[in-house]
Amino acid sequence: SQRAARPKLKVPPDKLGAENHELEALKAAERRATADARLRWHHDNYRIAHETFSLRSSAVGAAIAAGVLKDAARPGFSCPACAHVDPSGAHFVRNTKVGSSVPLVPYHHAELDLWGPFEVGDPLGFRYLFGGVDRATGKVLLQP
């Protein structure tokens, strides 16, 4: 019986392992860089949405939870505009104004706005987002 000749390695086995290690290290570095870029992209989208939703983090969180904003993730950031806001001012939270003469009845007073154009991932291609906040309960409604 004839034996097939084994092909000879052109690289010594000890150097082959080092080259594989370098290749794996380069692939790992590329995966980390891609993941970092993707995370920056998600954080940038969150900041844009935060500004678009009139600096309302709860509205952005509701949009992410509802699946309206798919490419956004909350970063650990401090918004300069939010840091300068008067904390005693009117917010969309029940009883923030002292001594309101009109009782807040749920679903009777709402703040409405239209945001866009921006990409919300709507399957029909809509680029505007209708939003409303009930002043009494603070509930948020978002509709692309």
Protein backbone atom coordinates (compact mmCIF):
# COMPACT_ATOMS: atom_id res chain seq x y z
CA SER A 1 0.00 0.00 0.00
CA GLN A 2 1.18 3.42 -0.82
CA ARG A 3 1.24 6.02 1.89
CA ALA A 4 0.26 9.53 1.06
CA ALA A 5 3.07 11.94 1.64
CA ARG A 6 2.33 14.37 4.45
CA PRO A 7 2.55 17.98 3.41
CA LYS A 8 5.35 19.74 5.14
CA LEU A 9 4.58 22.84 7.17
CA LYS A 10 6.33 25.94 5.99
CA VAL A 11 5.98 27.54 9.43
CA PRO A 12 7.31 25.82 12.53
CA PRO A 13 4.47 24.73 14.85
CA ASP A 14 5.63 27.01 17.70
CA LYS A 15 5.39 30.08 15.42
CA LEU A 16 2.04 28.97 14.04
CA GLY A 17 0.58 29.20 17.53
CA ALA A 18 1.91 32.74 17.97
CA GLU A 19 0.39 33.85 14.66
CA ASN A 20 -2.99 32.38 15.66
CA HIS A 21 -2.76 34.17 19.00
CA GLU A 22 -2.07 37.50 17.26
CA LEU A 23 -4.96 36.90 14.85
CA GLU A 24 -7.34 36.10 17.73
CA ALA A 25 -6.16 39.22 19.59
CA LEU A 26 -6.84 41.36 16.51
CA LYS A 27 -10.31 39.83 16.09
CA ALA A 28 -11.10 40.45 19.78
CA ALA A 29 -9.94 44.07 19.48
CA GLU A 30 -12.10 44.53 16.39
CA ARG A 31 -15.14 43.06 18.21
CA ARG A 32 -14.55 45.43 21.17
CA ALA A 33 -14.22 48.44 18.86
CA THR A 34 -17.43 47.48 17.05
CA ALA A 35 -19.28 47.02 20.34
CA ASP A 36 -17.98 50.38 21.62
CA ALA A 37 -19.08 52.13 18.43
CA ARG A 38 -22.52 50.49 18.65
CA LEU A 39 -22.88 51.59 22.29
CA ARG A 40 -21.88 55.18 21.41
CA TRP A 41 -24.49 55.10 18.62
CA HIS A 42 -27.20 53.96 21.08
CA HIS A 43 -26.16 56.63 23.62
CA ASP A 44 -26.18 59.36 20.95
CA ASN A 45 -29.67 58.28 19.89
CA TYR A 46 -30.80 58.46 23.52
CA ARG A 47 -29.43 62.00 23.86
CA ILE A 48 -31.20 63.08 20.66
CA ALA A 49 -34.47 61.54 21.87
CA HIS A 50 -34.00 63.16 25.29
CA GLU A 51 -33.75 66.58 23.63
CA THR A 52 -36.59 65.78 21.23
CA PHE A 53 -38.93 64.77 24.07
CA SER A 54 -38.40 68.13 25.82
CA LEU A 55 -35.81 66.68 28.21
CA ARG A 56 -38.23 64.03 29.52
CA SER A 57 -36.24 60.91 30.39
CA SER A 58 -39.44 59.09 31.38
CA ALA A 59 -40.89 59.70 27.90
CA VAL A 60 -37.73 58.33 26.27
CA GLY A 61 -37.83 55.33 28.60
CA ALA A 62 -41.48 54.71 27.70
CA ALA A 63 -40.63 54.93 23.99
CA ILE A 64 -37.79 52.42 24.41
CA ALA A 65 -40.01 50.08 26.47
CA ALA A 66 -42.79 50.32 23.86
CA GLY A 67 -40.32 49.45 21.09
CA VAL A 68 -40.73 52.80 19.32
CA LEU A 69 -37.06 53.70 19.83
CA LYS A 70 -35.11 50.56 19.05
CA ASP A 71 -31.61 52.00 18.65
CA ALA A 72 -31.34 53.90 21.92
CA ALA A 73 -29.90 53.02 25.32
CA ARG A 74 -29.75 55.20 28.42
CA PRO A 75 -26.21 56.34 29.07
CA GLY A 76 -24.92 57.43 32.44
CA PHE A 77 -24.90 61.10 31.53
CA SER A 78 -25.87 64.42 33.01
CA CYS A 79 -27.87 66.65 30.70
CA PRO A 80 -26.62 70.27 30.99
CA ALA A 81 -30.09 71.66 30.28
CA CYS A 82 -31.67 69.43 32.95
CA ALA A 83 -29.02 70.49 35.45
CA HIS A 84 -29.97 74.17 34.99
CA VAL A 85 -33.73 73.70 35.27
CA ASP A 86 -35.51 75.19 38.27
CA PRO A 87 -36.63 72.15 40.31
CA SER A 88 -39.67 74.04 41.63
CA GLY A 89 -40.95 74.80 38.13
CA ALA A 90 -43.92 73.19 36.42
CA HIS A 91 -43.22 69.60 35.46
CA PHE A 92 -45.57 66.94 34.19
CA VAL A 93 -45.92 65.43 37.64
CA ARG A 94 -48.95 65.72 39.87
CA ASN A 95 -49.02 68.58 42.43
CA THR A 96 -45.71 70.23 41.59
CA LYS A 97 -47.16 73.75 41.75
CA VAL A 98 -47.89 75.00 45.24
CA GLY A 99 -51.52 75.97 45.90
CA SER A 100 -53.06 75.14 42.51
CA SER A 101 -56.54 76.68 42.30
CA VAL A 102 -57.74 74.08 39.77
CA PRO A 103 -57.75 70.44 40.90
CA LEU A 104 -56.04 68.12 38.46
CA VAL A 105 -58.54 65.57 37.19
CA PRO A 106 -57.00 62.58 35.38
CA TYR A 107 -57.24 62.79 31.58
CA HIS A 108 -58.78 66.29 31.62
CA HIS A 109 -55.57 68.29 31.17
CA ALA A 110 -52.89 67.05 28.81
CA GLU A 111 -49.76 68.41 27.21
CA LEU A 112 -49.50 67.41 23.54
CA ASP A 113 -46.67 67.77 21.07
CA LEU A 114 -45.51 66.54 17.68
CA TRP A 115 -41.84 65.60 17.23
CA GLY A 116 -39.86 64.93 14.10
CA PRO A 117 -38.85 64.23 11.51
CA PHE A 118 -36.63 61.44 12.79
CA GLU A 119 -36.32 57.71 12.28
CA VAL A 120 -38.56 55.82 14.71
CA GLY A 121 -38.44 52.45 12.95
CA ASP A 122 -42.10 52.50 11.93
CA PRO A 123 -42.90 49.74 9.40
CA LEU A 124 -45.04 52.17 7.38
CA GLY A 125 -42.23 54.73 7.22
CA PHE A 126 -43.78 57.44 9.37
CA ARG A 127 -41.15 59.90 10.61
CA TYR A 128 -43.09 61.97 13.14
CA LEU A 129 -44.06 61.06 16.68
CA PHE A 130 -47.19 62.31 18.44
CA GLY A 131 -46.87 62.48 22.21
CA GLY A 132 -49.07 63.40 25.09
CA VAL A 133 -48.59 63.61 28.85
CA ASP A 134 -51.51 63.63 31.27
CA ARG A 135 -50.83 66.43 33.78
CA ALA A 136 -52.69 64.75 36.64
CA THR A 137 -51.20 61.26 36.45
CA GLY A 138 -47.98 61.84 34.47
CA LYS A 139 -48.85 59.01 32.06
CA VAL A 140 -47.20 59.26 28.66
CA LEU A 141 -48.74 58.36 25.28
CA LEU A 142 -46.47 58.06 22.24
CA GLN A 143 -47.76 57.25 18.76
CA PRO A 144 -45.66 57.18 15.58
